[in-house]
Amino acid sequence: QMSQDRKTTALKQLQGHMWRAAYVTGLIKGEVFEDVV
C-alpha cells in the first residue's frame, strides 16, 4: 500500500497507532523551526 502511495483509512489508522507509540516513547519527535513558537 505504501509503495502505491495509498491513503486508505486502514493504512492511516495503523500508521497513526504506530507513530503514537513511537512519539510517546521518545523514538521520534516532531521537528519545529525555532521561529515558529
Full PDB file with SEQRES, HELIX, SHEET, SSBOND, CRYST1, ORIGX, SCALE, CONECT and MASTER records, all heavy atoms in Angstrom:
SEQRES   1 A   37  GLN MET SER GLN ASP ARG LYS THR THR ALA LEU LYS GLN          
SEQRES   2 A   37  LEU GLN GLY HIS MET TRP ARG ALA ALA TYR VAL THR GLY          
SEQRES   3 A   37  LEU ILE LYS GLY GLU VAL PHE GLU ASP VAL VAL                  
HELIX    1 AA1 THR A    9  VAL A   24  1                                  16    
CRYST1    1.000    1.000    1.000  90.00  90.00  90.00 P 1           1          
ORIGX1      1.000000  0.000000  0.000000        0.00000                         
ORIGX2      0.000000  1.000000  0.000000        0.00000                         
ORIGX3      0.000000  0.000000  1.000000        0.00000                         
SCALE1      1.000000  0.000000  0.000000        0.00000                         
SCALE2      0.000000  1.000000  0.000000        0.00000                         
SCALE3      0.000000  0.000000  1.000000        0.00000                         
ATOM      1  N   GLN A   1       0.832  -1.212   0.000  1.00  0.00           N  
ATOM      2  CA  GLN A   1       0.000   0.000   0.000  1.00  0.00           C  
ATOM      3  C   GLN A   1       0.864   1.258   0.000  1.00  0.00           C  
ATOM      4  O   GLN A   1       0.583   2.223  -0.715  1.00  0.00           O  
ATOM      5  CB  GLN A   1      -0.928   0.021   1.224  1.00  0.00           C  
ATOM      6  CG  GLN A   1      -2.097  -0.939   1.142  1.00  0.00           C  
ATOM      7  CD  GLN A   1      -3.245  -0.489   2.033  1.00  0.00           C  
ATOM      8  OE1 GLN A   1      -3.774   0.606   1.858  1.00  0.00           O  
ATOM      9  NE2 GLN A   1      -3.623  -1.323   2.987  1.00  0.00           N  
ATOM     10  N   MET A   2       1.926   1.250   0.804  1.00  0.00           N  
ATOM     11  CA  MET A   2       2.801   2.428   0.883  1.00  0.00           C  
ATOM     12  C   MET A   2       3.545   2.642  -0.431  1.00  0.00           C  
ATOM     13  O   MET A   2       3.749   3.782  -0.865  1.00  0.00           O  
ATOM     14  CB  MET A   2       3.763   2.299   2.067  1.00  0.00           C  
ATOM     15  CG  MET A   2       3.050   2.397   3.412  1.00  0.00           C  
ATOM     16  SD  MET A   2       4.145   2.225   4.845  1.00  0.00           S  
ATOM     17  CE  MET A   2       5.004   3.800   4.802  1.00  0.00           C  
ATOM     18  N   SER A   3       3.935   1.556  -1.090  1.00  0.00           N  
ATOM     19  CA  SER A   3       4.641   1.683  -2.377  1.00  0.00           C  
ATOM     20  C   SER A   3       3.724   2.264  -3.449  1.00  0.00           C  
ATOM     21  O   SER A   3       4.185   2.882  -4.406  1.00  0.00           O  
ATOM     22  CB  SER A   3       5.191   0.324  -2.835  1.00  0.00           C  
ATOM     23  OG  SER A   3       4.127  -0.503  -3.295  1.00  0.00           O  
ATOM     24  N   GLN A   4       2.397   2.058  -3.275  1.00  0.00           N  
ATOM     25  CA  GLN A   4       1.409   2.601  -4.213  1.00  0.00           C  
ATOM     26  C   GLN A   4       0.906   3.978  -3.779  1.00  0.00           C  
ATOM     27  O   GLN A   4       0.018   4.544  -4.407  1.00  0.00           O  
ATOM     28  CB  GLN A   4       0.197   1.640  -4.313  1.00  0.00           C  
ATOM     29  CG  GLN A   4       0.533   0.222  -4.723  1.00  0.00           C  
ATOM     30  CD  GLN A   4       1.102   0.160  -6.130  1.00  0.00           C  
ATOM     31  OE1 GLN A   4       0.499   0.664  -7.061  1.00  0.00           O  
ATOM     32  NE2 GLN A   4       2.274  -0.440  -6.270  1.00  0.00           N  
ATOM     33  N   ASP A   5       1.467   4.491  -2.661  1.00  0.00           N  
ATOM     34  CA  ASP A   5       1.058   5.776  -2.086  1.00  0.00           C  
ATOM     35  C   ASP A   5      -0.443   5.805  -1.799  1.00  0.00           C  
ATOM     36  O   ASP A   5      -1.134   6.802  -2.032  1.00  0.00           O  
ATOM     37  CB  ASP A   5       1.449   6.943  -3.015  1.00  0.00           C  
ATOM     38  CG  ASP A   5       1.453   8.279  -2.275  1.00  0.00           C  
ATOM     39  OD1 ASP A   5       1.639   8.267  -1.048  1.00  0.00           O  
ATOM     40  OD2 ASP A   5       1.251   9.325  -2.925  1.00  0.00           O  
ATOM     41  N   ARG A   6      -0.946   4.664  -1.286  1.00  0.00           N  
ATOM     42  CA  ARG A   6      -2.371   4.590  -0.934  1.00  0.00           C  
ATOM     43  C   ARG A   6      -2.637   5.441   0.305  1.00  0.00           C  
ATOM     44  O   ARG A   6      -1.772   5.602   1.164  1.00  0.00           O  
ATOM     45  CB  ARG A   6      -2.764   3.132  -0.618  1.00  0.00           C  
ATOM     46  CG  ARG A   6      -2.518   2.128  -1.728  1.00  0.00           C  
ATOM     47  CD  ARG A   6      -3.399   2.318  -2.949  1.00  0.00           C  
ATOM     48  NE  ARG A   6      -4.839   2.213  -2.695  1.00  0.00           N  
ATOM     49  CZ  ARG A   6      -5.491   1.083  -2.493  1.00  0.00           C  
ATOM     50  NH1 ARG A   6      -4.857  -0.091  -2.508  1.00  0.00           N  
ATOM     51  NH2 ARG A   6      -6.799   1.074  -2.296  1.00  0.00           N  
ATOM     52  N   LYS A   7      -3.871   5.947   0.391  1.00  0.00           N  
ATOM     53  CA  LYS A   7      -4.249   6.769   1.559  1.00  0.00           C  
ATOM     54  C   LYS A   7      -5.480   6.145   2.231  1.00  0.00           C  
ATOM     55  O   LYS A   7      -6.375   6.846   2.662  1.00  0.00           O  
ATOM     56  CB  LYS A   7      -4.571   8.199   1.109  1.00  0.00           C  
ATOM     57  CG  LYS A   7      -3.437   8.912   0.384  1.00  0.00           C  
ATOM     58  CD  LYS A   7      -2.443   9.519   1.357  1.00  0.00           C  
ATOM     59  CE  LYS A   7      -1.516  10.518   0.690  1.00  0.00           C  
ATOM     60  NZ  LYS A   7      -0.438   9.931  -0.071  1.00  0.00           N  
ATOM     61  N   THR A   8      -5.538   4.823   2.281  1.00  0.00           N  
ATOM     62  CA  THR A   8      -6.718   4.152   2.829  1.00  0.00           C  
ATOM     63  C   THR A   8      -6.829   4.397   4.339  1.00  0.00           C  
ATOM     64  O   THR A   8      -5.817   4.561   5.027  1.00  0.00           O  
ATOM     65  CB  THR A   8      -6.665   2.630   2.577  1.00  0.00           C  
ATOM     66  OG1 THR A   8      -5.533   2.090   3.279  1.00  0.00           O  
ATOM     67  CG2 THR A   8      -6.529   2.307   1.088  1.00  0.00           C  
ATOM     68  N   THR A   9      -8.054   4.391   4.816  1.00  0.00           N  
ATOM     69  CA  THR A   9      -8.289   4.562   6.255  1.00  0.00           C  
ATOM     70  C   THR A   9      -7.572   3.470   7.040  1.00  0.00           C  
ATOM     71  O   THR A   9      -7.003   3.726   8.097  1.00  0.00           O  
ATOM     72  CB  THR A   9      -9.805   4.524   6.550  1.00  0.00           C  
ATOM     73  OG1 THR A   9     -10.420   5.584   5.822  1.00  0.00           O  
ATOM     74  CG2 THR A   9     -10.098   4.688   8.028  1.00  0.00           C  
ATOM     75  N   ALA A  10      -7.609   2.239   6.512  1.00  0.00           N  
ATOM     76  CA  ALA A  10      -6.974   1.103   7.204  1.00  0.00           C  
ATOM     77  C   ALA A  10      -5.481   1.347   7.400  1.00  0.00           C  
ATOM     78  O   ALA A  10      -4.932   1.141   8.494  1.00  0.00           O  
ATOM     79  CB  ALA A  10      -7.199  -0.185   6.408  1.00  0.00           C  
ATOM     80  N   LEU A  11      -4.813   1.799   6.344  1.00  0.00           N  
ATOM     81  CA  LEU A  11      -3.363   2.059   6.432  1.00  0.00           C  
ATOM     82  C   LEU A  11      -3.089   3.230   7.363  1.00  0.00           C  
ATOM     83  O   LEU A  11      -2.213   3.157   8.236  1.00  0.00           O  
ATOM     84  CB  LEU A  11      -2.804   2.346   5.037  1.00  0.00           C  
ATOM     85  CG  LEU A  11      -1.305   2.669   4.968  1.00  0.00           C  
ATOM     86  CD1 LEU A  11      -0.463   1.484   5.441  1.00  0.00           C  
ATOM     87  CD2 LEU A  11      -0.899   3.090   3.560  1.00  0.00           C  
ATOM     88  N   LYS A  12      -3.851   4.319   7.208  1.00  0.00           N  
ATOM     89  CA  LYS A  12      -3.638   5.514   8.035  1.00  0.00           C  
ATOM     90  C   LYS A  12      -3.824   5.202   9.514  1.00  0.00           C  
ATOM     91  O   LYS A  12      -3.117   5.731  10.370  1.00  0.00           O  
ATOM     92  CB  LYS A  12      -4.617   6.624   7.623  1.00  0.00           C  
ATOM     93  CG  LYS A  12      -4.151   7.448   6.431  1.00  0.00           C  
ATOM     94  CD  LYS A  12      -5.104   8.619   6.231  1.00  0.00           C  
ATOM     95  CE  LYS A  12      -4.593   9.587   5.180  1.00  0.00           C  
ATOM     96  NZ  LYS A  12      -5.482  10.740   5.014  1.00  0.00           N  
ATOM     97  N   GLN A  13      -4.815   4.342   9.815  1.00  0.00           N  
ATOM     98  CA  GLN A  13      -5.105   4.020  11.214  1.00  0.00           C  
ATOM     99  C   GLN A  13      -3.937   3.276  11.862  1.00  0.00           C  
ATOM    100  O   GLN A  13      -3.507   3.629  12.957  1.00  0.00           O  
ATOM    101  CB  GLN A  13      -6.387   3.184  11.304  1.00  0.00           C  
ATOM    102  CG  GLN A  13      -6.821   2.907  12.734  1.00  0.00           C  
ATOM    103  CD  GLN A  13      -8.242   2.396  12.788  1.00  0.00           C  
ATOM    104  OE1 GLN A  13      -9.181   3.092  12.386  1.00  0.00           O  
ATOM    105  NE2 GLN A  13      -8.430   1.183  13.273  1.00  0.00           N  
ATOM    106  N   LEU A  14      -3.402   2.260  11.166  1.00  0.00           N  
ATOM    107  CA  LEU A  14      -2.254   1.531  11.716  1.00  0.00           C  
ATOM    108  C   LEU A  14      -1.055   2.470  11.860  1.00  0.00           C  
ATOM    109  O   LEU A  14      -0.374   2.469  12.887  1.00  0.00           O  
ATOM    110  CB  LEU A  14      -1.892   0.341  10.822  1.00  0.00           C  
ATOM    111  CG  LEU A  14      -0.624  -0.417  11.265  1.00  0.00           C  
ATOM    112  CD1 LEU A  14      -0.875  -1.166  12.576  1.00  0.00           C  
ATOM    113  CD2 LEU A  14      -0.140  -1.380  10.202  1.00  0.00           C  
ATOM    114  N   GLN A  15      -0.797   3.276  10.821  1.00  0.00           N  
ATOM    115  CA  GLN A  15       0.329   4.214  10.881  1.00  0.00           C  
ATOM    116  C   GLN A  15       0.190   5.152  12.084  1.00  0.00           C  
ATOM    117  O   GLN A  15       1.150   5.376  12.822  1.00  0.00           O  
ATOM    118  CB  GLN A  15       0.399   5.040   9.589  1.00  0.00           C  
ATOM    119  CG  GLN A  15       0.886   4.242   8.388  1.00  0.00           C  
ATOM    120  CD  GLN A  15       0.768   5.034   7.097  1.00  0.00           C  
ATOM    121  OE1 GLN A  15      -0.087   5.913   6.966  1.00  0.00           O  
ATOM    122  NE2 GLN A  15       1.612   4.725   6.131  1.00  0.00           N  
ATOM    123  N   GLY A  16      -1.021   5.668  12.281  1.00  0.00           N  
ATOM    124  CA  GLY A  16      -1.262   6.583  13.402  1.00  0.00           C  
ATOM    125  C   GLY A  16      -0.966   5.941  14.745  1.00  0.00           C  
ATOM    126  O   GLY A  16      -0.347   6.556  15.624  1.00  0.00           O  
ATOM    127  N   HIS A  17      -1.368   4.680  14.911  1.00  0.00           N  
ATOM    128  CA  HIS A  17      -1.127   3.987  16.178  1.00  0.00           C  
ATOM    129  C   HIS A  17       0.364   3.684  16.377  1.00  0.00           C  
ATOM    130  O   HIS A  17       0.876   3.768  17.492  1.00  0.00           O  
ATOM    131  CB  HIS A  17      -1.964   2.701  16.233  1.00  0.00           C  
ATOM    132  CG  HIS A  17      -3.434   2.969  16.317  1.00  0.00           C  
ATOM    133  ND1 HIS A  17      -4.390   2.116  15.801  1.00  0.00           N  
ATOM    134  CD2 HIS A  17      -4.117   4.031  16.826  1.00  0.00           C  
ATOM    135  CE1 HIS A  17      -5.594   2.623  16.022  1.00  0.00           C  
ATOM    136  NE2 HIS A  17      -5.448   3.772  16.621  1.00  0.00           N  
ATOM    137  N   MET A  18       1.045   3.353  15.282  1.00  0.00           N  
ATOM    138  CA  MET A  18       2.496   3.110  15.374  1.00  0.00           C  
ATOM    139  C   MET A  18       3.245   4.396  15.723  1.00  0.00           C  
ATOM    140  O   MET A  18       4.147   4.397  16.557  1.00  0.00           O  
ATOM    141  CB  MET A  18       3.028   2.525  14.070  1.00  0.00           C  
ATOM    142  CG  MET A  18       2.698   1.062  13.864  1.00  0.00           C  
ATOM    143  SD  MET A  18       3.488   0.393  12.370  1.00  0.00           S  
ATOM    144  CE  MET A  18       5.235   0.507  12.816  1.00  0.00           C  
ATOM    145  N   TRP A  19       2.847   5.505  15.068  1.00  0.00           N  
ATOM    146  CA  TRP A  19       3.514   6.785  15.359  1.00  0.00           C  
ATOM    147  C   TRP A  19       3.265   7.207  16.798  1.00  0.00           C  
ATOM    148  O   TRP A  19       4.167   7.698  17.471  1.00  0.00           O  
ATOM    149  CB  TRP A  19       3.021   7.861  14.382  1.00  0.00           C  
ATOM    150  CG  TRP A  19       3.570   7.684  12.997  1.00  0.00           C  
ATOM    151  CD1 TRP A  19       4.769   7.139  12.644  1.00  0.00           C  
ATOM    152  CD2 TRP A  19       2.923   8.043  11.764  1.00  0.00           C  
ATOM    153  NE1 TRP A  19       4.901   7.138  11.264  1.00  0.00           N  
ATOM    154  CE2 TRP A  19       3.789   7.688  10.706  1.00  0.00           C  
ATOM    155  CE3 TRP A  19       1.695   8.647  11.455  1.00  0.00           C  
ATOM    156  CZ2 TRP A  19       3.471   7.908   9.365  1.00  0.00           C  
ATOM    157  CZ3 TRP A  19       1.371   8.865  10.128  1.00  0.00           C  
ATOM    158  CH2 TRP A  19       2.261   8.502   9.096  1.00  0.00           C  
ATOM    159  N   ARG A  20       2.030   7.007  17.269  1.00  0.00           N  
ATOM    160  CA  ARG A  20       1.712   7.375  18.655  1.00  0.00           C  
ATOM    161  C   ARG A  20       2.657   6.664  19.619  1.00  0.00           C  
ATOM    162  O   ARG A  20       3.236   7.284  20.507  1.00  0.00           O  
ATOM    163  CB  ARG A  20       0.255   7.012  18.973  1.00  0.00           C  
ATOM    164  CG  ARG A  20      -0.178   7.405  20.385  1.00  0.00           C  
ATOM    165  CD  ARG A  20      -1.585   6.918  20.668  1.00  0.00           C  
ATOM    166  NE  ARG A  20      -1.655   5.460  20.632  1.00  0.00           N  
ATOM    167  CZ  ARG A  20      -2.755   4.760  20.447  1.00  0.00           C  
ATOM    168  NH1 ARG A  20      -3.913   5.369  20.252  1.00  0.00           N  
ATOM    169  NH2 ARG A  20      -2.732   3.446  20.442  1.00  0.00           N  
ATOM    170  N   ALA A  21       2.827   5.352  19.425  1.00  0.00           N  
ATOM    171  CA  ALA A  21       3.720   4.582  20.302  1.00  0.00           C  
ATOM    172  C   ALA A  21       5.153   5.114  20.237  1.00  0.00           C  
ATOM    173  O   ALA A  21       5.840   5.216  21.253  1.00  0.00           O  
ATOM    174  CB  ALA A  21       3.676   3.096  19.915  1.00  0.00           C  
ATOM    175  N   ALA A  22       5.593   5.497  19.029  1.00  0.00           N  
ATOM    176  CA  ALA A  22       6.966   5.993  18.854  1.00  0.00           C  
ATOM    177  C   ALA A  22       7.153   7.378  19.474  1.00  0.00           C  
ATOM    178  O   ALA A  22       8.191   7.662  20.086  1.00  0.00           O  
ATOM    179  CB  ALA A  22       7.325   6.022  17.374  1.00  0.00           C  
ATOM    180  N   TYR A  23       6.150   8.242  19.335  1.00  0.00           N  
ATOM    181  CA  TYR A  23       6.228   9.570  19.951  1.00  0.00           C  
ATOM    182  C   TYR A  23       6.248   9.450  21.479  1.00  0.00           C  
ATOM    183  O   TYR A  23       7.062  10.089  22.152  1.00  0.00           O  
ATOM    184  CB  TYR A  23       5.029  10.427  19.547  1.00  0.00           C  
ATOM    185  CG  TYR A  23       5.138  11.113  18.198  1.00  0.00           C  
ATOM    186  CD1 TYR A  23       4.264  10.790  17.160  1.00  0.00           C  
ATOM    187  CD2 TYR A  23       6.079  12.115  17.966  1.00  0.00           C  
ATOM    188  CE1 TYR A  23       4.333  11.434  15.928  1.00  0.00           C  
ATOM    189  CE2 TYR A  23       6.158  12.764  16.740  1.00  0.00           C  
ATOM    190  CZ  TYR A  23       5.282  12.418  15.722  1.00  0.00           C  
ATOM    191  OH  TYR A  23       5.358  13.055  14.515  1.00  0.00           O  
ATOM    192  N   VAL A  24       5.341   8.634  22.016  1.00  0.00           N  
ATOM    193  CA  VAL A  24       5.211   8.500  23.471  1.00  0.00           C  
ATOM    194  C   VAL A  24       6.516   7.999  24.094  1.00  0.00           C  
ATOM    195  O   VAL A  24       6.926   8.452  25.163  1.00  0.00           O  
ATOM    196  CB  VAL A  24       4.029   7.565  23.834  1.00  0.00           C  
ATOM    197  CG1 VAL A  24       4.049   7.169  25.299  1.00  0.00           C  
ATOM    198  CG2 VAL A  24       2.704   8.244  23.485  1.00  0.00           C  
ATOM    199  N   THR A  25       7.198   7.080  23.406  1.00  0.00           N  
ATOM    200  CA  THR A  25       8.445   6.531  23.956  1.00  0.00           C  
ATOM    201  C   THR A  25       9.670   7.370  23.582  1.00  0.00           C  
ATOM    202  O   THR A  25      10.789   7.035  23.953  1.00  0.00           O  
ATOM    203  CB  THR A  25       8.670   5.083  23.451  1.00  0.00           C  
ATOM    204  OG1 THR A  25       8.601   5.082  22.015  1.00  0.00           O  
ATOM    205  CG2 THR A  25       7.620   4.136  24.007  1.00  0.00           C  
ATOM    206  N   GLY A  26       9.450   8.476  22.835  1.00  0.00           N  
ATOM    207  CA  GLY A  26      10.566   9.368  22.501  1.00  0.00           C  
ATOM    208  C   GLY A  26      11.412   8.915  21.334  1.00  0.00           C  
ATOM    209  O   GLY A  26      12.470   9.500  21.068  1.00  0.00           O  
ATOM    210  N   LEU A  27      10.976   7.868  20.625  1.00  0.00           N  
ATOM    211  CA  LEU A  27      11.750   7.387  19.465  1.00  0.00           C  
ATOM    212  C   LEU A  27      11.741   8.405  18.333  1.00  0.00           C  
ATOM    213  O   LEU A  27      12.698   8.521  17.585  1.00  0.00           O  
ATOM    214  CB  LEU A  27      11.183   6.050  18.960  1.00  0.00           C  
ATOM    215  CG  LEU A  27      11.556   4.802  19.749  1.00  0.00           C  
ATOM    216  CD1 LEU A  27      10.746   3.608  19.257  1.00  0.00           C  
ATOM    217  CD2 LEU A  27      13.042   4.515  19.624  1.00  0.00           C  
ATOM    218  N   ILE A  28      10.619   9.124  18.197  1.00  0.00           N  
ATOM    219  CA  ILE A  28      10.573  10.197  17.200  1.00  0.00           C  
ATOM    220  C   ILE A  28       9.968  11.448  17.834  1.00  0.00           C  
ATOM    221  O   ILE A  28       9.183  11.357  18.787  1.00  0.00           O  
ATOM    222  CB  ILE A  28       9.763   9.805  15.927  1.00  0.00           C  
ATOM    223  CG1 ILE A  28       8.395   9.217  16.282  1.00  0.00           C  
ATOM    224  CG2 ILE A  28      10.523   8.863  15.052  1.00  0.00           C  
ATOM    225  CD1 ILE A  28       7.562   8.821  15.071  1.00  0.00           C  
ATOM    226  N   LYS A  29      10.372  12.606  17.316  1.00  0.00           N  
ATOM    227  CA  LYS A  29       9.839  13.889  17.785  1.00  0.00           C  
ATOM    228  C   LYS A  29       9.450  14.730  16.572  1.00  0.00           C  
ATOM    229  O   LYS A  29      10.084  14.636  15.523  1.00  0.00           O  
ATOM    230  CB  LYS A  29      10.898  14.659  18.594  1.00  0.00           C  
ATOM    231  CG  LYS A  29      11.107  14.154  20.010  1.00  0.00           C  
ATOM    232  CD  LYS A  29      12.091  15.046  20.736  1.00  0.00           C  
ATOM    233  CE  LYS A  29      12.445  14.514  22.117  1.00  0.00           C  
ATOM    234  NZ  LYS A  29      11.345  14.549  23.069  1.00  0.00           N  
ATOM    235  N   GLY A  30       8.413  15.550  16.734  1.00  0.00           N  
ATOM    236  CA  GLY A  30       8.041  16.483  15.670  1.00  0.00           C  
ATOM    237  C   GLY A  30       9.024  17.636  15.650  1.00  0.00           C  
ATOM    238  O   GLY A  30       9.260  18.270  16.678  1.00  0.00           O  
ATOM    239  N   GLU A  31       9.607  17.901  14.491  1.00  0.00           N  
ATOM    240  CA  GLU A  31      10.589  18.985  14.397  1.00  0.00           C  
ATOM    241  C   GLU A  31       9.894  20.310  14.096  1.00  0.00           C  
ATOM    242  O   GLU A  31       9.102  20.406  13.172  1.00  0.00           O  
ATOM    243  CB  GLU A  31      11.620  18.665  13.306  1.00  0.00           C  
ATOM    244  CG  GLU A  31      12.546  17.532  13.711  1.00  0.00           C  
ATOM    245  CD  GLU A  31      13.712  17.363  12.748  1.00  0.00           C  
ATOM    246  OE1 GLU A  31      14.152  18.366  12.164  1.00  0.00           O  
ATOM    247  OE2 GLU A  31      14.169  16.219  12.605  1.00  0.00           O  
ATOM    248  N   VAL A  32      10.214  21.311  14.890  1.00  0.00           N  
ATOM    249  CA  VAL A  32       9.598  22.632  14.745  1.00  0.00           C  
ATOM    250  C   VAL A  32      10.712  23.667  14.563  1.00  0.00           C  
ATOM    251  O   VAL A  32      11.639  23.723  15.372  1.00  0.00           O  
ATOM    252  CB  VAL A  32       8.753  22.980  15.996  1.00  0.00           C  
ATOM    253  CG1 VAL A  32       8.091  24.342  15.833  1.00  0.00           C  
ATOM    254  CG2 VAL A  32       7.701  21.910  16.252  1.00  0.00           C  
ATOM    255  N   PHE A  33      10.618  24.468  13.514  1.00  0.00           N  
ATOM    256  CA  PHE A  33      11.611  25.528  13.298  1.00  0.00           C  
ATOM    257  C   PHE A  33      11.564  26.519  14.462  1.00  0.00           C  
ATOM    258  O   PHE A  33      10.495  26.808  15.008  1.00  0.00           O  
ATOM    259  CB  PHE A  33      11.347  26.252  11.978  1.00  0.00           C  
ATOM    260  CG  PHE A  33      11.614  25.395  10.762  1.00  0.00           C  
ATOM    261  CD1 PHE A  33      10.567  24.861  10.027  1.00  0.00           C  
ATOM    262  CD2 PHE A  33      12.917  25.119  10.360  1.00  0.00           C  
ATOM    263  CE1 PHE A  33      10.813  24.068   8.909  1.00  0.00           C  
ATOM    264  CE2 PHE A  33      13.165  24.328   9.245  1.00  0.00           C  
ATOM    265  CZ  PHE A  33      12.119  23.801   8.520  1.00  0.00           C  
ATOM    266  N   GLU A  34      12.737  27.066  14.811  1.00  0.00           N  
ATOM    267  CA  GLU A  34      12.842  27.856  16.056  1.00  0.00           C  
ATOM    268  C   GLU A  34      12.045  29.168  16.019  1.00  0.00           C  
ATOM    269  O   GLU A  34      11.718  29.720  17.069  1.00  0.00           O  
ATOM    270  CB  GLU A  34      14.304  28.136  16.398  1.00  0.00           C  
ATOM    271  CG  GLU A  34      15.069  28.903  15.346  1.00  0.00           C  
ATOM    272  CD  GLU A  34      16.549  29.048  15.702  1.00  0.00           C  
ATOM    273  OE1 GLU A  34      17.062  28.245  16.491  1.00  0.00           O  
ATOM    274  OE2 GLU A  34      17.164  29.975  15.162  1.00  0.00           O  
ATOM    275  N   ASP A  35      11.707  29.666  14.831  1.00  0.00           N  
ATOM    276  CA  ASP A  35      10.942  30.918  14.762  1.00  0.00           C  
ATOM    277  C   ASP A  35       9.445  30.705  14.966  1.00  0.00           C  
ATOM    278  O   ASP A  35       8.705  31.675  15.152  1.00  0.00           O  
ATOM    279  CB  ASP A  35      11.167  31.589  13.397  1.00  0.00           C  
ATOM    280  CG  ASP A  35      10.814  30.671  12.225  1.00  0.00           C  
ATOM    281  OD1 ASP A  35      11.642  29.788  11.896  1.00  0.00           O  
ATOM    282  OD2 ASP A  35       9.725  30.807  11.660  1.00  0.00           O  
ATOM    283  N   VAL A  36       8.989  29.465  14.943  1.00  0.00           N  
ATOM    284  CA  VAL A  36       7.546  29.181  14.909  1.00  0.00           C  
ATOM    285  C   VAL A  36       6.843  29.511  16.225  1.00  0.00           C  
ATOM    286  O   VAL A  36       5.863  30.261  16.253  1.00  0.00           O  
ATOM    287  CB  VAL A  36       7.293  27.704  14.505  1.00  0.00           C  
ATOM    288  CG1 VAL A  36       5.832  27.319  14.708  1.00  0.00           C  
ATOM    289  CG2 VAL A  36       7.715  27.475  13.061  1.00  0.00           C  
ATOM    290  N   VAL A  37       7.323  28.955  17.327  1.00  0.00           N  
ATOM    291  CA  VAL A  37       6.617  29.115  18.606  1.00  0.00           C  
ATOM    292  C   VAL A  37       6.552  30.581  19.047  1.00  0.00           C  
ATOM    293  O   VAL A  37       5.470  31.073  19.392  1.00  0.00           O  
ATOM    294  CB  VAL A  37       7.233  28.202  19.697  1.00  0.00           C  
ATOM    295  CG1 VAL A  37       6.636  28.516  21.069  1.00  0.00           C  
ATOM    296  CG2 VAL A  37       6.973  26.731  19.348  1.00  0.00           C  
TER     297      VAL A  37                                                      
MASTER        0    0    0    1    0    0    0    6  296    1    0    3          
END                                                                             
